[in-house]
């Protein structure tokens, strides 16, 4: 279920948060919003931020901005911070944050153009302008971290928590 929150406003009001704290905050806000509609459910919320040097990047608004972001990351390292929280009865009962560091290879302009042409508007759905499980994998020379963290959800710690709480089968 998509949480009905105003992410842009929340980010602006909390601009001094670190990338990891912001990811946890947004994941919590999403889960809390859905929890109001399903108060007896275990609601999972997730969010991801991207930092490069001392700056955070947001999802690109359009293809031109996606191109700019990819050029900023080309040949450089950036870090994805993925947060997941569980809310039960309107309270956060568990949270986890994990980070992965990725190095983009120094790809050519012609590769960038063909990449953007092939992935189309899908490039706008990811904070890093790529999907590692697809053609986006070709953008990288090195990845240090958990695959699921890169995808945006630290899945294994979440599953362990859900099993420990007997929410899913052990």
N, C-alpha and C. Protein backbone atom coordinates (compact mmCIF):
# COMPACT_ATOMS: atom_id res chain seq x y z
N UNK A 1 0.84 -1.17 0.00
CA UNK A 1 0.00 0.00 0.00
C UNK A 1 0.89 1.24 0.00
N UNK A 2 0.55 2.19 -0.83
CA UNK A 2 1.32 3.43 -0.87
C UNK A 2 0.87 4.33 0.28
N UNK A 3 1.82 4.82 1.03
CA UNK A 3 1.51 5.72 2.15
C UNK A 3 1.21 7.11 1.60
N UNK A 4 0.15 7.70 2.10
CA UNK A 4 -0.23 9.05 1.67
C UNK A 4 0.47 10.08 2.57
N UNK A 5 1.74 10.31 2.27
CA UNK A 5 2.50 11.33 3.01
C UNK A 5 3.12 12.29 2.00
N UNK A 6 3.44 13.48 2.44
CA UNK A 6 4.09 14.47 1.59
C UNK A 6 5.59 14.40 1.85
N UNK A 7 6.26 13.54 1.10
CA UNK A 7 7.70 13.33 1.33
C UNK A 7 8.51 14.60 1.17
N UNK A 8 8.20 15.39 0.16
CA UNK A 8 8.97 16.60 -0.10
C UNK A 8 8.92 17.55 1.10
N UNK A 9 7.73 17.74 1.66
CA UNK A 9 7.60 18.62 2.83
C UNK A 9 8.34 18.04 4.03
N UNK A 10 8.19 16.73 4.24
CA UNK A 10 8.88 16.09 5.37
C UNK A 10 10.40 16.22 5.22
N UNK A 11 10.90 16.05 4.01
CA UNK A 11 12.35 16.19 3.78
C UNK A 11 12.80 17.62 4.04
N UNK A 12 12.03 18.59 3.57
CA UNK A 12 12.39 20.00 3.79
C UNK A 12 12.40 20.36 5.27
N UNK A 13 11.42 19.85 6.02
CA UNK A 13 11.35 20.14 7.46
C UNK A 13 12.45 19.44 8.25
N UNK A 14 13.04 18.41 7.67
CA UNK A 14 14.06 17.62 8.37
C UNK A 14 15.37 17.59 7.59
N UNK A 15 15.69 18.70 6.95
CA UNK A 15 16.87 18.75 6.08
C UNK A 15 18.19 18.58 6.82
N UNK A 16 18.19 18.76 8.12
CA UNK A 16 19.44 18.62 8.88
C UNK A 16 19.72 17.18 9.32
N UNK A 17 18.76 16.28 9.06
CA UNK A 17 18.98 14.87 9.41
C UNK A 17 20.06 14.27 8.52
N UNK A 18 20.80 13.34 9.09
CA UNK A 18 21.78 12.60 8.28
C UNK A 18 21.03 11.73 7.28
N UNK A 19 21.70 11.25 6.24
CA UNK A 19 21.03 10.37 5.27
C UNK A 19 20.42 9.13 5.93
N UNK A 20 21.11 8.55 6.90
CA UNK A 20 20.55 7.36 7.57
C UNK A 20 19.35 7.72 8.42
N UNK A 21 19.45 8.80 9.17
CA UNK A 21 18.32 9.22 10.02
C UNK A 21 17.12 9.61 9.17
N UNK A 22 17.35 10.24 8.04
CA UNK A 22 16.25 10.62 7.16
C UNK A 22 15.55 9.37 6.60
N UNK A 23 16.32 8.37 6.21
CA UNK A 23 15.72 7.14 5.69
C UNK A 23 14.84 6.48 6.75
N UNK A 24 15.33 6.41 7.99
CA UNK A 24 14.55 5.81 9.08
C UNK A 24 13.30 6.65 9.35
N UNK A 25 13.45 7.96 9.37
CA UNK A 25 12.31 8.85 9.61
C UNK A 25 11.23 8.67 8.55
N UNK A 26 11.62 8.66 7.28
CA UNK A 26 10.63 8.52 6.22
C UNK A 26 9.98 7.14 6.22
N UNK A 27 10.77 6.11 6.48
CA UNK A 27 10.20 4.75 6.57
C UNK A 27 9.18 4.69 7.70
N UNK A 28 9.50 5.33 8.82
CA UNK A 28 8.58 5.36 9.97
C UNK A 28 7.30 6.11 9.63
N UNK A 29 7.43 7.25 9.00
CA UNK A 29 6.26 8.06 8.64
C UNK A 29 5.35 7.29 7.68
N UNK A 30 5.94 6.57 6.74
CA UNK A 30 5.13 5.78 5.81
C UNK A 30 4.36 4.69 6.54
N UNK A 31 5.06 3.96 7.39
CA UNK A 31 4.41 2.86 8.12
C UNK A 31 3.36 3.38 9.09
N UNK A 32 3.64 4.48 9.76
CA UNK A 32 2.66 5.05 10.69
C UNK A 32 1.40 5.51 9.95
N UNK A 33 1.58 6.09 8.77
CA UNK A 33 0.42 6.54 7.99
C UNK A 33 -0.47 5.36 7.59
N UNK A 34 0.14 4.26 7.14
CA UNK A 34 -0.64 3.09 6.74
C UNK A 34 -1.24 2.42 7.98
N UNK A 35 -0.53 2.47 9.09
CA UNK A 35 -1.01 1.84 10.32
C UNK A 35 -2.31 2.46 10.81
N UNK A 36 -2.53 3.74 10.53
CA UNK A 36 -3.80 4.35 10.94
C UNK A 36 -4.98 3.70 10.23
N UNK A 37 -4.75 3.18 9.04
CA UNK A 37 -5.80 2.50 8.28
C UNK A 37 -5.93 1.02 8.67
N UNK A 38 -4.87 0.47 9.22
CA UNK A 38 -4.83 -0.95 9.60
C UNK A 38 -4.19 -1.08 10.98
N UNK A 39 -4.87 -0.63 12.04
CA UNK A 39 -4.26 -0.54 13.37
C UNK A 39 -3.86 -1.88 13.99
N UNK A 40 -4.45 -2.98 13.56
CA UNK A 40 -4.12 -4.28 14.15
C UNK A 40 -3.09 -5.06 13.34
N UNK A 41 -2.63 -4.48 12.26
CA UNK A 41 -1.68 -5.17 11.38
C UNK A 41 -0.24 -4.79 11.73
N UNK A 42 0.66 -5.68 11.37
CA UNK A 42 2.08 -5.34 11.40
C UNK A 42 2.36 -4.66 10.06
N UNK A 43 2.66 -3.37 10.11
CA UNK A 43 2.87 -2.60 8.89
C UNK A 43 4.36 -2.37 8.70
N UNK A 44 4.83 -2.68 7.51
CA UNK A 44 6.25 -2.52 7.17
C UNK A 44 6.39 -1.27 6.32
N UNK A 45 7.31 -0.40 6.72
CA UNK A 45 7.63 0.80 5.95
C UNK A 45 9.10 0.78 5.58
N UNK A 46 9.41 1.28 4.40
CA UNK A 46 10.80 1.31 3.95
C UNK A 46 11.08 2.60 3.21
N UNK A 47 12.32 3.03 3.26
CA UNK A 47 12.75 4.17 2.47
C UNK A 47 14.25 4.07 2.25
N UNK A 48 14.72 4.81 1.27
CA UNK A 48 16.13 4.76 0.92
C UNK A 48 16.61 6.16 0.57
N UNK A 49 17.81 6.50 1.03
CA UNK A 49 18.44 7.75 0.64
C UNK A 49 19.76 7.44 -0.02
N UNK A 50 20.26 8.41 -0.77
CA UNK A 50 21.54 8.26 -1.47
C UNK A 50 22.41 9.45 -1.11
N UNK A 51 23.64 9.16 -0.68
CA UNK A 51 24.58 10.24 -0.41
C UNK A 51 25.82 10.05 -1.27
N UNK A 52 26.30 11.18 -1.75
CA UNK A 52 27.54 11.21 -2.53
C UNK A 52 28.33 12.39 -2.01
N UNK A 53 29.53 12.10 -1.56
CA UNK A 53 30.35 13.11 -0.87
C UNK A 53 29.55 13.64 0.31
N UNK A 54 29.33 14.92 0.40
CA UNK A 54 28.58 15.49 1.53
C UNK A 54 27.18 15.92 1.12
N UNK A 55 26.64 15.28 0.11
CA UNK A 55 25.37 15.72 -0.44
C UNK A 55 24.42 14.54 -0.63
N UNK A 56 23.12 14.80 -0.50
CA UNK A 56 22.12 13.78 -0.76
C UNK A 56 21.46 14.07 -2.10
N UNK A 57 21.16 13.01 -2.83
CA UNK A 57 20.41 13.14 -4.08
C UNK A 57 19.01 12.59 -3.86
N UNK A 58 18.03 13.25 -4.45
CA UNK A 58 16.65 12.77 -4.44
C UNK A 58 16.37 12.05 -5.75
N UNK A 59 15.21 11.42 -5.83
CA UNK A 59 14.78 10.87 -7.11
C UNK A 59 14.72 12.00 -8.12
N UNK A 60 15.09 11.67 -9.33
CA UNK A 60 15.08 12.67 -10.40
C UNK A 60 13.65 12.99 -10.81
N UNK A 61 13.41 14.25 -11.10
CA UNK A 61 12.08 14.69 -11.51
C UNK A 61 11.81 14.39 -12.98
N UNK A 62 12.88 14.35 -13.78
CA UNK A 62 12.72 14.11 -15.21
C UNK A 62 14.02 13.51 -15.76
N UNK A 63 13.99 13.18 -17.03
CA UNK A 63 15.14 12.52 -17.65
C UNK A 63 16.39 13.42 -17.65
N UNK A 64 16.23 14.71 -17.81
CA UNK A 64 17.37 15.62 -17.80
C UNK A 64 18.06 15.60 -16.44
N UNK A 65 17.27 15.60 -15.38
CA UNK A 65 17.85 15.55 -14.04
C UNK A 65 18.48 14.18 -13.78
N UNK A 66 17.88 13.12 -14.29
CA UNK A 66 18.47 11.79 -14.15
C UNK A 66 19.84 11.75 -14.82
N UNK A 67 19.95 12.35 -15.99
CA UNK A 67 21.24 12.44 -16.70
C UNK A 67 22.26 13.16 -15.83
N UNK A 68 21.87 14.30 -15.24
CA UNK A 68 22.77 15.06 -14.37
C UNK A 68 23.23 14.21 -13.18
N UNK A 69 22.30 13.51 -12.55
CA UNK A 69 22.66 12.69 -11.39
C UNK A 69 23.62 11.57 -11.80
N UNK A 70 23.34 10.91 -12.90
CA UNK A 70 24.23 9.84 -13.34
C UNK A 70 25.61 10.38 -13.69
N UNK A 71 25.68 11.55 -14.28
CA UNK A 71 26.98 12.16 -14.56
C UNK A 71 27.72 12.53 -13.28
N UNK A 72 26.99 12.97 -12.25
CA UNK A 72 27.61 13.27 -10.96
C UNK A 72 28.20 12.02 -10.32
N UNK A 73 27.54 10.88 -10.52
CA UNK A 73 27.99 9.62 -9.90
C UNK A 73 29.02 8.88 -10.76
N UNK A 74 29.11 9.20 -12.03
CA UNK A 74 30.01 8.50 -12.96
C UNK A 74 31.45 8.54 -12.44
N UNK A 75 32.04 7.36 -12.33
CA UNK A 75 33.43 7.24 -11.89
C UNK A 75 33.63 7.50 -10.40
N UNK A 76 32.54 7.58 -9.64
CA UNK A 76 32.64 7.91 -8.21
C UNK A 76 31.86 6.91 -7.37
N UNK A 77 32.13 6.97 -6.07
CA UNK A 77 31.42 6.13 -5.10
C UNK A 77 30.25 6.91 -4.53
N UNK A 78 29.18 6.20 -4.25
CA UNK A 78 28.06 6.77 -3.51
C UNK A 78 27.52 5.71 -2.57
N UNK A 79 26.72 6.14 -1.62
CA UNK A 79 26.20 5.21 -0.61
C UNK A 79 24.68 5.26 -0.59
N UNK A 80 24.09 4.08 -0.61
CA UNK A 80 22.65 3.93 -0.44
C UNK A 80 22.39 3.54 1.00
N UNK A 81 21.43 4.20 1.63
CA UNK A 81 21.03 3.92 3.00
C UNK A 81 19.58 3.45 2.96
N UNK A 82 19.35 2.20 3.31
CA UNK A 82 18.01 1.62 3.25
C UNK A 82 17.51 1.35 4.67
N UNK A 83 16.33 1.88 4.96
CA UNK A 83 15.73 1.71 6.28
C UNK A 83 14.44 0.92 6.15
N UNK A 84 14.16 0.12 7.17
CA UNK A 84 12.90 -0.60 7.26
C UNK A 84 12.43 -0.53 8.70
N UNK A 85 11.13 -0.30 8.87
CA UNK A 85 10.53 -0.26 10.20
C UNK A 85 9.28 -1.11 10.21
N UNK A 86 8.91 -1.55 11.40
CA UNK A 86 7.64 -2.27 11.60
C UNK A 86 6.85 -1.49 12.63
N UNK A 87 5.60 -1.22 12.29
CA UNK A 87 4.68 -0.50 13.18
C UNK A 87 3.52 -1.43 13.50
N UNK A 88 3.21 -1.53 14.78
CA UNK A 88 2.05 -2.31 15.23
C UNK A 88 1.26 -1.42 16.19
N UNK A 89 -0.02 -1.30 15.94
CA UNK A 89 -0.88 -0.50 16.81
C UNK A 89 -0.47 0.96 16.90
N UNK A 90 0.06 1.50 15.82
CA UNK A 90 0.44 2.91 15.81
C UNK A 90 1.77 3.24 16.45
N UNK A 91 2.56 2.20 16.80
CA UNK A 91 3.87 2.44 17.41
C UNK A 91 4.95 1.70 16.64
N UNK A 92 6.09 2.35 16.47
CA UNK A 92 7.24 1.69 15.85
C UNK A 92 7.77 0.68 16.85
N UNK A 93 7.78 -0.60 16.46
CA UNK A 93 8.26 -1.66 17.35
C UNK A 93 9.62 -2.19 16.95
N UNK A 94 10.06 -1.86 15.73
CA UNK A 94 11.37 -2.34 15.27
C UNK A 94 11.82 -1.47 14.12
N UNK A 95 13.13 -1.25 14.05
CA UNK A 95 13.71 -0.51 12.92
C UNK A 95 15.10 -1.05 12.63
N UNK A 96 15.49 -0.92 11.38
CA UNK A 96 16.81 -1.37 10.96
C UNK A 96 17.28 -0.48 9.81
N UNK A 97 18.55 -0.16 9.82
CA UNK A 97 19.15 0.62 8.74
C UNK A 97 20.39 -0.10 8.26
N UNK A 98 20.60 -0.12 6.97
CA UNK A 98 21.80 -0.72 6.40
C UNK A 98 22.26 0.16 5.25
N UNK A 99 23.55 0.15 4.99
CA UNK A 99 24.11 0.96 3.91
C UNK A 99 24.96 0.09 3.00
N UNK A 100 24.99 0.47 1.73
CA UNK A 100 25.82 -0.19 0.73
C UNK A 100 26.53 0.89 -0.07
N UNK A 101 27.78 0.65 -0.39
CA UNK A 101 28.56 1.61 -1.15
C UNK A 101 28.78 1.05 -2.55
N UNK A 102 28.49 1.87 -3.54
CA UNK A 102 28.58 1.46 -4.93
C UNK A 102 29.50 2.40 -5.68
N UNK A 103 30.29 1.84 -6.58
CA UNK A 103 31.18 2.64 -7.41
C UNK A 103 30.72 2.52 -8.85
N UNK A 104 30.36 3.66 -9.43
CA UNK A 104 29.98 3.67 -10.84
C UNK A 104 31.24 3.70 -11.68
N UNK A 105 31.19 2.94 -12.75
CA UNK A 105 32.32 2.93 -13.66
C UNK A 105 32.30 4.22 -14.49
N UNK A 106 33.41 4.58 -15.09
CA UNK A 106 33.44 5.80 -15.92
C UNK A 106 32.88 5.52 -17.32
N UNK A 107 31.56 5.37 -17.42
CA UNK A 107 30.91 5.03 -18.68
C UNK A 107 30.95 6.20 -19.66
N UNK A 108 30.78 5.88 -20.93
CA UNK A 108 30.84 6.89 -21.99
C UNK A 108 29.50 7.62 -22.13
N UNK A 109 29.53 8.73 -22.82
CA UNK A 109 28.31 9.47 -23.13
C UNK A 109 27.37 8.63 -23.98
N UNK A 110 27.94 7.87 -24.92
CA UNK A 110 27.08 7.05 -25.78
C UNK A 110 26.41 5.94 -24.96
N UNK A 111 27.13 5.38 -23.98
CA UNK A 111 26.49 4.38 -23.12
C UNK A 111 25.37 5.03 -22.31
N UNK A 112 25.63 6.20 -21.76
CA UNK A 112 24.62 6.89 -20.96
C UNK A 112 23.36 7.15 -21.80
N UNK A 113 23.55 7.61 -23.03
CA UNK A 113 22.40 7.87 -23.90
C UNK A 113 21.61 6.60 -24.18
N UNK A 114 22.31 5.51 -24.48
CA UNK A 114 21.60 4.26 -24.77
C UNK A 114 20.92 3.71 -23.51
N UNK A 115 21.57 3.88 -22.36
CA UNK A 115 20.97 3.45 -21.10
C UNK A 115 19.67 4.20 -20.84
N UNK A 116 19.72 5.51 -20.95
CA UNK A 116 18.53 6.32 -20.70
C UNK A 116 17.43 6.02 -21.71
N UNK A 117 17.79 5.80 -22.97
CA UNK A 117 16.80 5.45 -23.99
C UNK A 117 16.13 4.12 -23.67
N UNK A 118 16.93 3.15 -23.23
CA UNK A 118 16.39 1.82 -22.97
C UNK A 118 15.50 1.78 -21.72
N UNK A 119 15.94 2.40 -20.64
CA UNK A 119 15.17 2.30 -19.40
C UNK A 119 14.01 3.29 -19.34
N UNK A 120 14.05 4.34 -20.13
CA UNK A 120 12.95 5.29 -20.19
C UNK A 120 12.61 5.89 -18.84
N UNK A 121 11.32 6.02 -18.57
CA UNK A 121 10.87 6.66 -17.33
C UNK A 121 11.13 5.82 -16.08
N UNK A 122 11.50 4.55 -16.25
CA UNK A 122 11.86 3.73 -15.09
C UNK A 122 13.02 4.35 -14.32
N UNK A 123 13.84 5.14 -14.99
CA UNK A 123 14.98 5.78 -14.35
C UNK A 123 14.52 6.74 -13.25
N UNK A 124 13.28 7.18 -13.31
CA UNK A 124 12.75 8.14 -12.34
C UNK A 124 12.22 7.47 -11.08
N UNK A 125 12.13 6.15 -11.08
CA UNK A 125 11.53 5.45 -9.93
C UNK A 125 12.55 5.05 -8.87
N UNK A 126 13.81 5.34 -9.10
CA UNK A 126 14.87 4.95 -8.16
C UNK A 126 15.71 6.16 -7.81
N UNK A 127 16.07 6.28 -6.55
CA UNK A 127 16.87 7.42 -6.10
C UNK A 127 18.21 7.50 -6.83
N UNK A 128 18.75 6.38 -7.25
CA UNK A 128 20.04 6.38 -7.95
C UNK A 128 19.92 6.36 -9.45
N UNK A 129 18.72 6.36 -9.97
CA UNK A 129 18.46 6.32 -11.42
C UNK A 129 18.87 4.99 -12.03
N UNK A 130 18.81 3.93 -11.25
CA UNK A 130 19.15 2.61 -11.76
C UNK A 130 18.42 1.54 -10.97
N UNK A 131 18.29 0.40 -11.60
CA UNK A 131 17.77 -0.81 -10.96
C UNK A 131 18.86 -1.86 -11.13
N UNK A 132 19.47 -2.23 -10.04
CA UNK A 132 20.58 -3.17 -10.07
C UNK A 132 20.19 -4.51 -10.67
N UNK A 133 18.91 -4.88 -10.52
CA UNK A 133 18.45 -6.16 -11.03
C UNK A 133 18.21 -6.13 -12.54
N UNK A 134 18.46 -5.00 -13.19
CA UNK A 134 18.29 -4.88 -14.63
C UNK A 134 19.54 -4.32 -15.27
N UNK A 135 19.34 -3.52 -16.31
CA UNK A 135 20.48 -2.96 -17.06
C UNK A 135 21.35 -2.06 -16.19
N UNK A 136 20.80 -1.55 -15.10
CA UNK A 136 21.57 -0.68 -14.21
C UNK A 136 22.82 -1.33 -13.65
N UNK A 137 22.86 -2.65 -13.60
CA UNK A 137 24.05 -3.34 -13.10
C UNK A 137 25.28 -2.99 -13.93
N UNK A 138 25.08 -2.68 -15.20
CA UNK A 138 26.21 -2.36 -16.08
C UNK A 138 26.85 -1.01 -15.78
N UNK A 139 26.23 -0.23 -14.92
CA UNK A 139 26.79 1.07 -14.56
C UNK A 139 27.93 0.95 -13.55
N UNK A 140 28.10 -0.23 -12.95
CA UNK A 140 28.98 -0.33 -11.79
C UNK A 140 30.25 -1.12 -12.03
N UNK A 141 31.30 -0.71 -11.31
CA UNK A 141 32.55 -1.46 -11.30
C UNK A 141 32.74 -2.17 -9.97
N UNK A 142 32.04 -1.70 -8.92
CA UNK A 142 32.19 -2.31 -7.60
C UNK A 142 30.95 -2.04 -6.75
N UNK A 143 30.56 -3.06 -5.99
CA UNK A 143 29.44 -2.91 -5.05
C UNK A 143 29.85 -3.55 -3.74
N UNK A 144 29.77 -2.78 -2.67
CA UNK A 144 30.12 -3.28 -1.35
C UNK A 144 28.89 -3.15 -0.45
N UNK A 145 28.22 -4.28 -0.25
CA UNK A 145 27.04 -4.26 0.59
C UNK A 145 26.04 -5.30 0.16
N UNK A 146 24.97 -5.38 0.92
CA UNK A 146 23.93 -6.37 0.71
C UNK A 146 23.07 -6.03 -0.51
N UNK A 147 22.80 -7.02 -1.33
CA UNK A 147 21.99 -6.85 -2.53
C UNK A 147 20.62 -6.26 -2.21
N UNK A 148 19.96 -6.77 -1.16
CA UNK A 148 18.64 -6.29 -0.81
C UNK A 148 18.66 -4.85 -0.32
N UNK A 149 19.76 -4.45 0.31
CA UNK A 149 19.92 -3.05 0.72
C UNK A 149 19.96 -2.16 -0.50
N UNK A 150 20.68 -2.59 -1.52
CA UNK A 150 20.75 -1.82 -2.76
C UNK A 150 19.36 -1.70 -3.38
N UNK A 151 18.58 -2.77 -3.30
CA UNK A 151 17.22 -2.73 -3.85
C UNK A 151 16.29 -1.85 -3.03
N UNK A 152 16.67 -1.53 -1.79
CA UNK A 152 15.88 -0.61 -0.98
C UNK A 152 15.20 -1.21 0.23
N UNK A 153 15.43 -2.49 0.50
CA UNK A 153 14.79 -3.12 1.65
C UNK A 153 15.75 -4.15 2.26
N UNK A 154 16.29 -3.87 3.44
CA UNK A 154 17.15 -4.85 4.12
C UNK A 154 16.31 -6.07 4.52
N UNK A 155 16.12 -6.97 3.59
CA UNK A 155 15.14 -8.04 3.71
C UNK A 155 15.49 -9.08 4.77
N UNK A 156 16.73 -9.53 4.84
CA UNK A 156 17.07 -10.61 5.76
C UNK A 156 16.87 -10.22 7.22
N UNK A 157 17.32 -9.04 7.67
CA UNK A 157 17.02 -8.64 9.06
C UNK A 157 15.51 -8.51 9.31
N UNK A 158 14.77 -8.01 8.33
CA UNK A 158 13.32 -7.90 8.47
C UNK A 158 12.69 -9.28 8.65
N UNK A 159 13.06 -10.23 7.82
CA UNK A 159 12.51 -11.58 7.94
C UNK A 159 12.86 -12.21 9.28
N UNK A 160 14.08 -11.98 9.76
CA UNK A 160 14.47 -12.51 11.07
C UNK A 160 13.59 -11.92 12.17
N UNK A 161 13.33 -10.62 12.14
CA UNK A 161 12.45 -10.00 13.12
C UNK A 161 11.05 -10.58 13.05
N UNK A 162 10.51 -10.69 11.86
CA UNK A 162 9.15 -11.22 11.70
C UNK A 162 9.05 -12.67 12.19
N UNK A 163 10.09 -13.46 11.99
CA UNK A 163 10.09 -14.83 12.52
C UNK A 163 10.19 -14.82 14.03
N UNK A 164 11.08 -13.98 14.58
CA UNK A 164 11.24 -13.89 16.04
C UNK A 164 9.94 -13.49 16.73
N UNK A 165 9.17 -12.66 16.08
CA UNK A 165 7.89 -12.18 16.65
C UNK A 165 6.72 -13.11 16.30
N UNK A 166 7.03 -14.21 15.63
CA UNK A 166 6.00 -15.16 15.21
C UNK A 166 4.94 -14.55 14.29
N UNK A 167 5.35 -13.52 13.55
CA UNK A 167 4.45 -12.89 12.59
C UNK A 167 4.42 -13.70 11.29
N UNK A 168 5.56 -14.33 10.98
CA UNK A 168 5.62 -15.27 9.86
C UNK A 168 6.15 -16.60 10.37
N UNK A 169 5.96 -17.63 9.60
CA UNK A 169 6.35 -18.98 10.02
C UNK A 169 7.85 -19.09 10.26
N UNK A 170 8.18 -19.85 11.28
CA UNK A 170 9.59 -20.10 11.58
C UNK A 170 9.95 -21.42 10.97
